[in-house]
PDB file of N, CA and C in Angstrom:
ATOM      1  N   MET A   1      -4.692  -3.043  21.458  1.00  0.00           N
ATOM      2  CA  MET A   1      -3.382  -3.033  21.231  1.00  0.00           C
ATOM      3  C   MET A   1      -3.135  -1.440  20.954  1.00  0.00           C
ATOM      4  N   SER A   2      -1.769  -1.136  21.576  1.00  0.00           N
ATOM      5  CA  SER A   2      -1.381   0.393  20.533  1.00  0.00           C
ATOM      6  C   SER A   2      -0.214   0.148  20.096  1.00  0.00           C
ATOM      7  N   ILE A   3      -0.148   1.015  18.804  1.00  0.00           N
ATOM      8  CA  ILE A   3       0.914   1.060  17.845  1.00  0.00           C
ATOM      9  C   ILE A   3       1.852   2.001  18.152  1.00  0.00           C
ATOM     10  N   ASP A   4       2.808   2.173  18.123  1.00  0.00           N
ATOM     11  CA  ASP A   4       3.883   3.154  18.193  1.00  0.00           C
ATOM     12  C   ASP A   4       3.706   4.005  16.792  1.00  0.00           C
ATOM     13  N   PRO A   5       3.753   5.090  16.912  1.00  0.00           N
ATOM     14  CA  PRO A   5       3.157   6.197  15.911  1.00  0.00           C
ATOM     15  C   PRO A   5       4.924   6.288  15.381  1.00  0.00           C
ATOM     16  N   LYS A   6       5.870   5.979  16.549  1.00  0.00           N
ATOM     17  CA  LYS A   6       7.144   6.629  15.660  1.00  0.00           C
ATOM     18  C   LYS A   6       7.807   5.396  15.064  1.00  0.00           C
ATOM     19  N   ASN A   7       7.124   4.387  14.602  1.00  0.00           N
ATOM     20  CA  ASN A   7       8.257   3.360  13.979  1.00  0.00           C
ATOM     21  C   ASN A   7       6.961   2.444  12.696  1.00  0.00           C
ATOM     22  N   PRO A   8       6.892   3.078  11.752  1.00  0.00           N
ATOM     23  CA  PRO A   8       6.184   3.130  10.538  1.00  0.00           C
ATOM     24  C   PRO A   8       6.379   1.636  10.195  1.00  0.00           C
ATOM     25  N   LEU A   9       7.212   1.262  10.191  1.00  0.00           N
ATOM     26  CA  LEU A   9       7.248  -0.516   9.808  1.00  0.00           C
ATOM     27  C   LEU A   9       6.129  -1.657  10.679  1.00  0.00           C
ATOM     28  N   LYS A  10       5.932  -0.861  12.008  1.00  0.00           N
ATOM     29  CA  LYS A  10       5.465  -1.864  12.802  1.00  0.00           C
ATOM     30  C   LYS A  10       4.072  -1.637  12.129  1.00  0.00           C
ATOM     31  N   VAL A  11       3.702   0.002  11.857  1.00  0.00           N
ATOM     32  CA  VAL A  11       2.073  -0.125  11.889  1.00  0.00           C
ATOM     33  C   VAL A  11       2.066  -0.621  10.043  1.00  0.00           C
ATOM     34  N   LEU A  12       3.147  -0.827   9.209  1.00  0.00           N
ATOM     35  CA  LEU A  12       2.729  -1.223   8.114  1.00  0.00           C
ATOM     36  C   LEU A  12       2.844  -2.793   8.236  1.00  0.00           C
ATOM     37  N   HIS A  13       3.476  -3.271   8.788  1.00  0.00           N
ATOM     38  CA  HIS A  13       3.737  -5.220   9.217  1.00  0.00           C
ATOM     39  C   HIS A  13       2.180  -5.266  10.059  1.00  0.00           C
ATOM     40  N   ASN A  14       1.607  -4.513  10.938  1.00  0.00           N
ATOM     41  CA  ASN A  14       0.498  -4.684  11.297  1.00  0.00           C
ATOM     42  C   ASN A  14      -0.580  -4.668  10.236  1.00  0.00           C
ATOM     43  N   ALA A  15      -0.679  -4.117   9.092  1.00  0.00           N
ATOM     44  CA  ALA A  15      -1.532  -3.542   8.516  1.00  0.00           C
ATOM     45  C   ALA A  15      -1.706  -4.810   7.274  1.00  0.00           C
ATOM     46  N   VAL A  16      -0.955  -5.835   7.477  1.00  0.00           N
ATOM     47  CA  VAL A  16      -1.112  -7.069   6.630  1.00  0.00           C
ATOM     48  C   VAL A  16      -2.226  -7.613   6.519  1.00  0.00           C
ATOM     49  N   ASN A  17      -3.095  -8.186   5.686  1.00  0.00           N
ATOM     50  CA  ASN A  17      -4.167  -8.503   5.484  1.00  0.00           C
ATOM     51  C   ASN A  17      -5.115  -7.653   5.500  1.00  0.00           C
ATOM     52  N   SER A  18      -5.106  -6.540   5.634  1.00  0.00           N
ATOM     53  CA  SER A  18      -6.061  -5.238   5.623  1.00  0.00           C
ATOM     54  C   SER A  18      -6.049  -4.466   4.443  1.00  0.00           C
ATOM     55  N   THR A  19      -7.088  -3.593   3.894  1.00  0.00           N
ATOM     56  CA  THR A  19      -6.759  -2.810   2.777  1.00  0.00           C
ATOM     57  C   THR A  19      -5.821  -1.779   2.937  1.00  0.00           C
ATOM     58  N   ILE A  20      -5.205  -1.284   1.904  1.00  0.00           N
ATOM     59  CA  ILE A  20      -4.298  -0.231   2.217  1.00  0.00           C
ATOM     60  C   ILE A  20      -4.363   0.906   0.948  1.00  0.00           C
ATOM     61  N   LEU A  21      -4.023   1.950   1.160  1.00  0.00           N
ATOM     62  CA  LEU A  21      -4.013   3.347  -0.085  1.00  0.00           C
ATOM     63  C   LEU A  21      -2.346   3.233  -0.188  1.00  0.00           C
ATOM     64  N   ILE A  22      -1.954   3.153  -1.260  1.00  0.00           N
ATOM     65  CA  ILE A  22      -0.539   3.489  -1.743  1.00  0.00           C
ATOM     66  C   ILE A  22      -0.499   4.456  -2.789  1.00  0.00           C
ATOM     67  N   ARG A  23       0.007   5.859  -2.712  1.00  0.00           N
ATOM     68  CA  ARG A  23       0.711   6.696  -3.780  1.00  0.00           C
ATOM     69  C   ARG A  23       1.817   6.743  -4.133  1.00  0.00           C
ATOM     70  N   LEU A  24       2.228   6.606  -5.238  1.00  0.00           N
ATOM     71  CA  LEU A  24       3.527   6.719  -5.948  1.00  0.00           C
ATOM     72  C   LEU A  24       3.783   8.259  -6.049  1.00  0.00           C
ATOM     73  N   LYS A  25       5.232   8.357  -6.103  1.00  0.00           N
ATOM     74  CA  LYS A  25       5.944   9.466  -6.315  1.00  0.00           C
ATOM     75  C   LYS A  25       5.188  10.134  -7.452  1.00  0.00           C
ATOM     76  N   ASP A  26       5.072   8.939  -8.501  1.00  0.00           N
ATOM     77  CA  ASP A  26       4.328   9.822 -10.140  1.00  0.00           C
ATOM     78  C   ASP A  26       2.743   9.854  -9.886  1.00  0.00           C
ATOM     79  N   GLY A  27       2.274   9.941  -8.859  1.00  0.00           N
ATOM     80  CA  GLY A  27       0.954  11.089  -8.621  1.00  0.00           C
ATOM     81  C   GLY A  27       0.231   9.339  -8.472  1.00  0.00           C
ATOM     82  N   ILE A  28       0.155   8.334  -9.176  1.00  0.00           N
ATOM     83  CA  ILE A  28      -0.557   7.026  -9.522  1.00  0.00           C
ATOM     84  C   ILE A  28      -0.895   6.363  -8.282  1.00  0.00           C
ATOM     85  N   GLU A  29      -1.975   5.917  -7.611  1.00  0.00           N
ATOM     86  CA  GLU A  29      -2.665   5.451  -6.448  1.00  0.00           C
ATOM     87  C   GLU A  29      -2.960   4.005  -6.796  1.00  0.00           C
ATOM     88  N   TYR A  30      -2.570   3.018  -5.688  1.00  0.00           N
ATOM     89  CA  TYR A  30      -3.073   1.902  -5.706  1.00  0.00           C
ATOM     90  C   TYR A  30      -4.094   1.419  -4.415  1.00  0.00           C
ATOM     91  N   THR A  31      -4.932   0.521  -4.662  1.00  0.00           N
ATOM     92  CA  THR A  31      -5.506   0.136  -3.466  1.00  0.00           C
ATOM     93  C   THR A  31      -5.441  -1.422  -3.463  1.00  0.00           C
ATOM     94  N   GLY A  32      -5.561  -2.253  -2.344  1.00  0.00           N
ATOM     95  CA  GLY A  32      -5.948  -3.495  -2.348  1.00  0.00           C
ATOM     96  C   GLY A  32      -5.655  -4.083  -1.398  1.00  0.00           C
ATOM     97  N   ARG A  33      -5.445  -5.287  -0.900  1.00  0.00           N
ATOM     98  CA  ARG A  33      -4.535  -5.812   0.148  1.00  0.00           C
ATOM     99  C   ARG A  33      -3.876  -6.168   0.212  1.00  0.00           C
ATOM    100  N   LEU A  34      -3.237  -6.008   1.425  1.00  0.00           N
ATOM    101  CA  LEU A  34      -1.400  -5.635   1.594  1.00  0.00           C
ATOM    102  C   LEU A  34      -1.519  -7.341   2.227  1.00  0.00           C
ATOM    103  N   LYS A  35      -0.600  -8.237   1.079  1.00  0.00           N
ATOM    104  CA  LYS A  35      -0.491  -9.337   1.129  1.00  0.00           C
ATOM    105  C   LYS A  35       1.160  -9.575   2.141  1.00  0.00           C
ATOM    106  N   ILE A  36       2.143  -8.947   1.880  1.00  0.00           N
ATOM    107  CA  ILE A  36       3.436  -8.704   2.492  1.00  0.00           C
ATOM    108  C   ILE A  36       3.923  -7.643   2.365  1.00  0.00           C
ATOM    109  N   THR A  37       5.130  -7.376   3.257  1.00  0.00           N
ATOM    110  CA  THR A  37       5.787  -6.137   3.031  1.00  0.00           C
ATOM    111  C   THR A  37       7.524  -6.568   3.531  1.00  0.00           C
ATOM    112  N   ASP A  38       8.359  -5.532   3.650  1.00  0.00           N
ATOM    113  CA  ASP A  38       9.854  -5.983   4.031  1.00  0.00           C
ATOM    114  C   ASP A  38       9.796  -4.862   4.914  1.00  0.00           C
ATOM    115  N   ASN A  39      10.999  -4.957   5.246  1.00  0.00           N
ATOM    116  CA  ASN A  39      11.901  -3.383   5.858  1.00  0.00           C
ATOM    117  C   ASN A  39      12.612  -2.429   4.905  1.00  0.00           C
ATOM    118  N   TYR A  40      11.865  -2.829   3.634  1.00  0.00           N
ATOM    119  CA  TYR A  40      12.218  -1.827   2.888  1.00  0.00           C
ATOM    120  C   TYR A  40      10.791  -1.295   1.999  1.00  0.00           C
ATOM    121  N   MET A  41       9.803  -1.511   2.684  1.00  0.00           N
ATOM    122  CA  MET A  41       8.358  -1.329   2.395  1.00  0.00           C
ATOM    123  C   MET A  41       8.246  -1.266   0.871  1.00  0.00           C
ATOM    124  N   ASN A  42       8.994  -2.770   0.699  1.00  0.00           N
ATOM    125  CA  ASN A  42       8.597  -3.631  -0.589  1.00  0.00           C
ATOM    126  C   ASN A  42       7.046  -4.151  -0.606  1.00  0.00           C
ATOM    127  N   MET A  43       6.253  -4.224  -1.395  1.00  0.00           N
ATOM    128  CA  MET A  43       4.892  -4.946  -0.546  1.00  0.00           C
ATOM    129  C   MET A  43       4.342  -5.928  -1.914  1.00  0.00           C
ATOM    130  N   ILE A  44       3.792  -6.465  -1.633  1.00  0.00           N
ATOM    131  CA  ILE A  44       2.897  -7.192  -2.634  1.00  0.00           C
ATOM    132  C   ILE A  44       1.454  -7.018  -2.581  1.00  0.00           C
ATOM    133  N   ILE A  45       0.558  -6.365  -3.364  1.00  0.00           N
ATOM    134  CA  ILE A  45      -0.742  -5.918  -3.124  1.00  0.00           C
ATOM    135  C   ILE A  45      -1.925  -7.012  -4.128  1.00  0.00           C
ATOM    136  N   GLU A  46      -2.957  -7.503  -3.339  1.00  0.00           N
ATOM    137  CA  GLU A  46      -3.476  -8.481  -4.086  1.00  0.00           C
ATOM    138  C   GLU A  46      -4.994  -7.689  -4.263  1.00  0.00           C
ATOM    139  N   ASP A  47      -5.534  -7.877  -5.360  1.00  0.00           N
ATOM    140  CA  ASP A  47      -6.624  -7.475  -6.013  1.00  0.00           C
ATOM    141  C   ASP A  47      -7.042  -5.940  -5.837  1.00  0.00           C
ATOM    142  N   ALA A  48      -5.769  -5.691  -6.771  1.00  0.00           N
ATOM    143  CA  ALA A  48      -5.216  -4.372  -6.581  1.00  0.00           C
ATOM    144  C   ALA A  48      -6.166  -3.655  -7.652  1.00  0.00           C
ATOM    145  N   LYS A  49      -6.250  -2.391  -7.528  1.00  0.00           N
ATOM    146  CA  LYS A  49      -6.817  -1.315  -8.418  1.00  0.00           C
ATOM    147  C   LYS A  49      -6.017  -0.443  -8.433  1.00  0.00           C
ATOM    148  N   GLU A  50      -5.724   0.273  -9.896  1.00  0.00           N
ATOM    149  CA  GLU A  50      -4.880   1.268 -10.335  1.00  0.00           C
ATOM    150  C   GLU A  50      -5.107   2.515 -10.289  1.00  0.00           C
ATOM    151  N   MET A  51      -5.235   3.583 -10.273  1.00  0.00           N
ATOM    152  CA  MET A  51      -6.357   4.938  -9.916  1.00  0.00           C
ATOM    153  C   MET A  51      -5.373   5.915 -10.335  1.00  0.00           C
ATOM    154  N   ILE A  52      -5.898   6.809 -11.099  1.00  0.00           N
ATOM    155  CA  ILE A  52      -4.993   7.922 -11.819  1.00  0.00           C
ATOM    156  C   ILE A  52      -6.523   9.552 -11.235  1.00  0.00           C
ATOM    157  N   GLU A  53      -6.186  10.424 -10.893  1.00  0.00           N
ATOM    158  CA  GLU A  53      -7.173  10.878 -10.536  1.00  0.00           C
ATOM    159  C   GLU A  53      -8.512  10.612  -9.928  1.00  0.00           C
ATOM    160  N   GLY A  54      -8.361   9.557  -9.607  1.00  0.00           N
ATOM    161  CA  GLY A  54      -9.529   9.022  -8.809  1.00  0.00           C
ATOM    162  C   GLY A  54     -10.413   8.187  -9.445  1.00  0.00           C
ATOM    163  N   THR A  55      -9.889   7.837 -10.836  1.00  0.00           N
ATOM    164  CA  THR A  55     -10.774   7.000 -11.301  1.00  0.00           C
ATOM    165  C   THR A  55      -9.801   5.659 -11.655  1.00  0.00           C
ATOM    166  N   VAL A  56     -10.745   4.753 -11.722  1.00  0.00           N
ATOM    167  CA  VAL A  56      -9.872   3.503 -11.512  1.00  0.00           C
ATOM    168  C   VAL A  56      -9.465   3.059 -13.176  1.00  0.00           C
ATOM    169  N   THR A  57      -8.361   3.186 -13.499  1.00  0.00           N
ATOM    170  CA  THR A  57      -7.642   2.568 -14.771  1.00  0.00           C
ATOM    171  C   THR A  57      -7.200   1.413 -14.771  1.00  0.00           C
ATOM    172  N   ALA A  58      -6.972   0.291 -14.330  1.00  0.00           N
ATOM    173  CA  ALA A  58      -6.825  -0.848 -14.205  1.00  0.00           C
ATOM    174  C   ALA A  58      -7.060  -1.819 -13.116  1.00  0.00           C
ATOM    175  N   LYS A  59      -6.968  -3.040 -13.015  1.00  0.00           N
ATOM    176  CA  LYS A  59      -7.348  -4.009 -11.872  1.00  0.00           C
ATOM    177  C   LYS A  59      -6.110  -4.948 -12.346  1.00  0.00           C
ATOM    178  N   PHE A  60      -5.689  -5.421 -11.235  1.00  0.00           N
ATOM    179  CA  PHE A  60      -4.659  -6.446 -11.297  1.00  0.00           C
ATOM    180  C   PHE A  60      -4.867  -7.766  -9.875  1.00  0.00           C
ATOM    181  N   GLY A  61      -4.860  -8.503 -10.692  1.00  0.00           N
ATOM    182  CA  GLY A  61      -4.721  -9.690  -9.186  1.00  0.00           C
ATOM    183  C   GLY A  61      -3.823  -9.663  -8.503  1.00  0.00           C
ATOM    184  N   GLU A  62      -2.615  -9.211  -8.433  1.00  0.00           N
ATOM    185  CA  GLU A  62      -1.151  -8.978  -7.776  1.00  0.00           C
ATOM    186  C   GLU A  62      -0.224  -8.158  -8.219  1.00  0.00           C
ATOM    187  N   ILE A  63       0.376  -7.273  -7.243  1.00  0.00           N
ATOM    188  CA  ILE A  63       1.006  -6.240  -8.122  1.00  0.00           C
ATOM    189  C   ILE A  63       2.208  -6.405  -7.109  1.00  0.00           C
ATOM    190  N   PHE A  64       3.584  -5.656  -7.488  1.00  0.00           N
ATOM    191  CA  PHE A  64       4.724  -5.944  -6.372  1.00  0.00           C
ATOM    192  C   PHE A  64       5.302  -4.277  -6.745  1.00  0.00           C
ATOM    193  N   ILE A  65       5.091  -3.582  -5.517  1.00  0.00           N
ATOM    194  CA  ILE A  65       5.690  -2.181  -5.338  1.00  0.00           C
ATOM    195  C   ILE A  65       6.459  -1.843  -4.974  1.00  0.00           C
ATOM    196  N   ARG A  66       7.855  -1.365  -5.200  1.00  0.00           N
ATOM    197  CA  ARG A  66       9.116  -0.989  -4.671  1.00  0.00           C
ATOM    198  C   ARG A  66       8.802   0.339  -3.585  1.00  0.00           C
ATOM    199  N   GLY A  67       9.413  -0.097  -2.411  1.00  0.00           N
ATOM    200  CA  GLY A  67       9.362   0.984  -1.513  1.00  0.00           C
ATOM    201  C   GLY A  67       9.761   2.373  -1.519  1.00  0.00           C
ATOM    202  N   ASN A  68      10.882   2.641  -2.868  1.00  0.00           N
ATOM    203  CA  ASN A  68      11.141   3.687  -3.014  1.00  0.00           C
ATOM    204  C   ASN A  68      10.970   4.601  -3.779  1.00  0.00           C
ATOM    205  N   ASN A  69       9.732   4.158  -4.464  1.00  0.00           N
ATOM    206  CA  ASN A  69       8.420   4.524  -5.688  1.00  0.00           C
ATOM    207  C   ASN A  69       7.169   5.215  -4.789  1.00  0.00           C
ATOM    208  N   ILE A  70       7.521   5.018  -3.402  1.00  0.00           N
ATOM    209  CA  ILE A  70       6.109   5.372  -2.667  1.00  0.00           C
ATOM    210  C   ILE A  70       6.147   6.510  -1.939  1.00  0.00           C
ATOM    211  N   LEU A  71       5.402   7.671  -2.318  1.00  0.00           N
ATOM    212  CA  LEU A  71       5.282   8.758  -1.576  1.00  0.00           C
ATOM    213  C   LEU A  71       4.319   8.574  -0.338  1.00  0.00           C
ATOM    214  N   PHE A  72       3.385   8.163  -0.238  1.00  0.00           N
ATOM    215  CA  PHE A  72       3.040   8.061   1.048  1.00  0.00           C
ATOM    216  C   PHE A  72       1.818   6.695   0.712  1.00  0.00           C
ATOM    217  N   ILE A  73       1.585   5.703   2.419  1.00  0.00           N
ATOM    218  CA  ILE A  73       0.952   4.722   2.343  1.00  0.00           C
ATOM    219  C   ILE A  73      -0.726   4.966   3.515  1.00  0.00           C
ATOM    220  N   LYS A  74      -1.834   4.334   3.152  1.00  0.00           N
ATOM    221  CA  LYS A  74      -2.985   4.965   3.857  1.00  0.00           C
ATOM    222  C   LYS A  74      -3.054   3.373   4.632  1.00  0.00           C
ATOM    223  N   PRO A  75      -2.724   3.058   5.907  1.00  0.00           N
ATOM    224  CA  PRO A  75      -3.471   1.799   6.176  1.00  0.00           C
ATOM    225  C   PRO A  75      -5.038   1.699   6.413  1.00  0.00           C
ATOM    226  N   GLN A  76      -5.424   0.701   6.214  1.00  0.00           N
ATOM    227  CA  GLN A  76      -6.891   0.770   6.896  1.00  0.00           C
ATOM    228  C   GLN A  76      -7.777   1.905   5.595  1.00  0.00           C
ATOM    229  N   ALA A  77      -7.054   1.442   4.668  1.00  0.00           N
ATOM    230  CA  ALA A  77      -7.958   2.542   3.711  1.00  0.00           C
ATOM    231  C   ALA A  77      -9.478   1.684   3.317  1.00  0.00           C
ATOM    232  N   VAL A  78     -10.621   2.261   2.803  1.00  0.00           N
ATOM    233  CA  VAL A  78     -12.010   2.008   2.544  1.00  0.00           C
ATOM    234  C   VAL A  78     -12.190   2.434   1.107  1.00  0.00           C
TER     235      VAL A  78
END
């Protein structure tokens, strides 16, 4: 299945149930399994780890991230 690189929402919707990396505008990163997302790139991440400068600072069962706080998203992160 090919993914249209011109449609980032499709890429994000196809990443549901996979591991992603998110960096917020303030530099904090989160990794975890993408549970759900919407057309505003708001998302719920399960088994999330919060990282500051590469060091895990917190773990959460589930977090909500607002799309307007996101700097970038890396789907299929390991």
